[in-house]
Amino acid sequence: MPRIDGFQLYDKLRQKDPKVKVCFLTASEMYYEEFRDKHSDWGKIIDQEHFIQKPIKNKDLIKRIKLLLLKNN
């Protein structure tokens, strides 16, 4: 994204809706460590399973997101 990163976007979304559900699609699991360090208060909300590593097939991505949505309802 040209002006903000995914963490900043998540922050803006949480300001509008504290119950927003988000998955991070990333090329590296290192981003979870960075996220956890920057947003320790969200560690209870966003778990490492919400970080989906690329590459991933569309059908697997859909399946993973559906599982997360069911788990967190």
C-alpha atoms as a PDB file:
ATOM      1  CA  MET A   1       0.000   0.000   0.000  1.00  0.00           C
ATOM      2  CA  PRO A   2       1.474   3.339  -0.935  1.00  0.00           C
ATOM      3  CA  ARG A   3       0.780   5.505   2.127  1.00  0.00           C
ATOM      4  CA  ILE A   4       0.230   3.201   5.115  1.00  0.00           C
ATOM      5  CA  ASP A   5       1.147  -0.343   5.994  1.00  0.00           C
ATOM      6  CA  GLY A   6      -1.216  -3.128   7.030  1.00  0.00           C
ATOM      7  CA  PHE A   7      -0.639  -2.493  10.730  1.00  0.00           C
ATOM      8  CA  GLN A   8      -1.623   1.165  10.356  1.00  0.00           C
ATOM      9  CA  LEU A   9      -4.694   0.160   8.350  1.00  0.00           C
ATOM     10  CA  TYR A  10      -5.653  -2.299  11.092  1.00  0.00           C
ATOM     11  CA  ASP A  11      -5.252   0.479  13.667  1.00  0.00           C
ATOM     12  CA  LYS A  12      -7.616   2.731  11.691  1.00  0.00           C
ATOM     13  CA  LEU A  13     -10.142  -0.083  11.281  1.00  0.00           C
ATOM     14  CA  ARG A  14     -10.059  -0.810  15.028  1.00  0.00           C
ATOM     15  CA  GLN A  15     -10.717   2.863  15.759  1.00  0.00           C
ATOM     16  CA  LYS A  16     -13.887   2.674  13.670  1.00  0.00           C
ATOM     17  CA  ASP A  17     -14.955  -0.776  14.871  1.00  0.00           C
ATOM     18  CA  PRO A  18     -13.211  -2.414  17.849  1.00  0.00           C
ATOM     19  CA  LYS A  19     -14.749  -5.774  16.925  1.00  0.00           C
ATOM     20  CA  VAL A  20     -13.446  -5.835  13.335  1.00  0.00           C
ATOM     21  CA  LYS A  21     -12.087  -9.203  12.170  1.00  0.00           C
ATOM     22  CA  VAL A  22      -8.833  -9.075  10.241  1.00  0.00           C
ATOM     23  CA  CYS A  23      -6.403 -11.566   8.745  1.00  0.00           C
ATOM     24  CA  PHE A  24      -2.969 -10.472   7.612  1.00  0.00           C
ATOM     25  CA  LEU A  25      -1.765 -12.029   4.365  1.00  0.00           C
ATOM     26  CA  THR A  26       2.009 -11.841   4.458  1.00  0.00           C
ATOM     27  CA  ALA A  27       5.087 -13.256   2.790  1.00  0.00           C
ATOM     28  CA  SER A  28       6.803 -13.685   6.148  1.00  0.00           C
ATOM     29  CA  GLU A  29       5.815 -14.786   9.639  1.00  0.00           C
ATOM     30  CA  MET A  30       8.247 -12.172  10.947  1.00  0.00           C
ATOM     31  CA  TYR A  31       5.446  -9.628  10.589  1.00  0.00           C
ATOM     32  CA  TYR A  32       3.571 -11.266  13.437  1.00  0.00           C
ATOM     33  CA  GLU A  33       6.519 -10.654  15.753  1.00  0.00           C
ATOM     34  CA  GLU A  34       6.648  -7.008  14.641  1.00  0.00           C
ATOM     35  CA  PHE A  35       2.892  -6.635  15.131  1.00  0.00           C
ATOM     36  CA  ARG A  36       2.970  -8.222  18.581  1.00  0.00           C
ATOM     37  CA  ASP A  37       5.831  -5.962  19.666  1.00  0.00           C
ATOM     38  CA  LYS A  38       4.114  -2.786  18.425  1.00  0.00           C
ATOM     39  CA  HIS A  39       0.614  -3.688  19.624  1.00  0.00           C
ATOM     40  CA  SER A  40       1.022  -5.773  22.754  1.00  0.00           C
ATOM     41  CA  ASP A  41      -2.465  -4.763  23.941  1.00  0.00           C
ATOM     42  CA  TRP A  42      -3.924  -6.457  20.848  1.00  0.00           C
ATOM     43  CA  GLY A  43      -2.057  -9.693  21.479  1.00  0.00           C
ATOM     44  CA  LYS A  44      -5.195 -11.046  23.108  1.00  0.00           C
ATOM     45  CA  ILE A  45      -7.223 -10.219  19.988  1.00  0.00           C
ATOM     46  CA  ILE A  46      -4.891 -11.059  17.099  1.00  0.00           C
ATOM     47  CA  ASP A  47      -3.165 -14.402  17.320  1.00  0.00           C
ATOM     48  CA  GLN A  48      -0.471 -15.758  15.053  1.00  0.00           C
ATOM     49  CA  GLU A  49      -3.085 -17.876  13.272  1.00  0.00           C
ATOM     50  CA  HIS A  50      -4.508 -14.618  11.856  1.00  0.00           C
ATOM     51  CA  PHE A  51      -1.293 -14.142   9.889  1.00  0.00           C
ATOM     52  CA  ILE A  52      -1.582 -16.187   6.705  1.00  0.00           C
ATOM     53  CA  GLN A  53       1.672 -16.803   4.900  1.00  0.00           C
ATOM     54  CA  LYS A  54       1.993 -16.531   1.121  1.00  0.00           C
ATOM     55  CA  PRO A  55       1.996 -18.274  -1.234  1.00  0.00           C
ATOM     56  CA  ILE A  56      -1.383 -19.852  -0.629  1.00  0.00           C
ATOM     57  CA  LYS A  57      -3.937 -21.222  -3.058  1.00  0.00           C
ATOM     58  CA  ASN A  58      -7.268 -19.409  -3.220  1.00  0.00           C
ATOM     59  CA  LYS A  59      -9.248 -22.436  -2.037  1.00  0.00           C
ATOM     60  CA  ASP A  60      -6.895 -22.864   0.945  1.00  0.00           C
ATOM     61  CA  LEU A  61      -7.135 -19.165   1.786  1.00  0.00           C
ATOM     62  CA  ILE A  62     -10.932 -19.286   1.738  1.00  0.00           C
ATOM     63  CA  LYS A  63     -10.954 -22.427   3.879  1.00  0.00           C
ATOM     64  CA  ARG A  64      -8.567 -20.885   6.425  1.00  0.00           C
ATOM     65  CA  ILE A  65     -10.563 -17.666   6.711  1.00  0.00           C
ATOM     66  CA  LYS A  66     -13.832 -19.580   7.106  1.00  0.00           C
ATOM     67  CA  LEU A  67     -12.293 -21.624   9.924  1.00  0.00           C
ATOM     68  CA  LEU A  68     -11.080 -18.480  11.670  1.00  0.00           C
ATOM     69  CA  LEU A  69     -14.463 -16.808  11.344  1.00  0.00           C
ATOM     70  CA  LEU A  70     -16.251 -19.845  12.776  1.00  0.00           C
ATOM     71  CA  LYS A  71     -13.740 -20.153  15.598  1.00  0.00           C
ATOM     72  CA  ASN A  72     -14.051 -16.510  16.608  1.00  0.00           C
ATOM     73  CA  ASN A  73     -17.845 -16.234  16.600  1.00  0.00           C
END
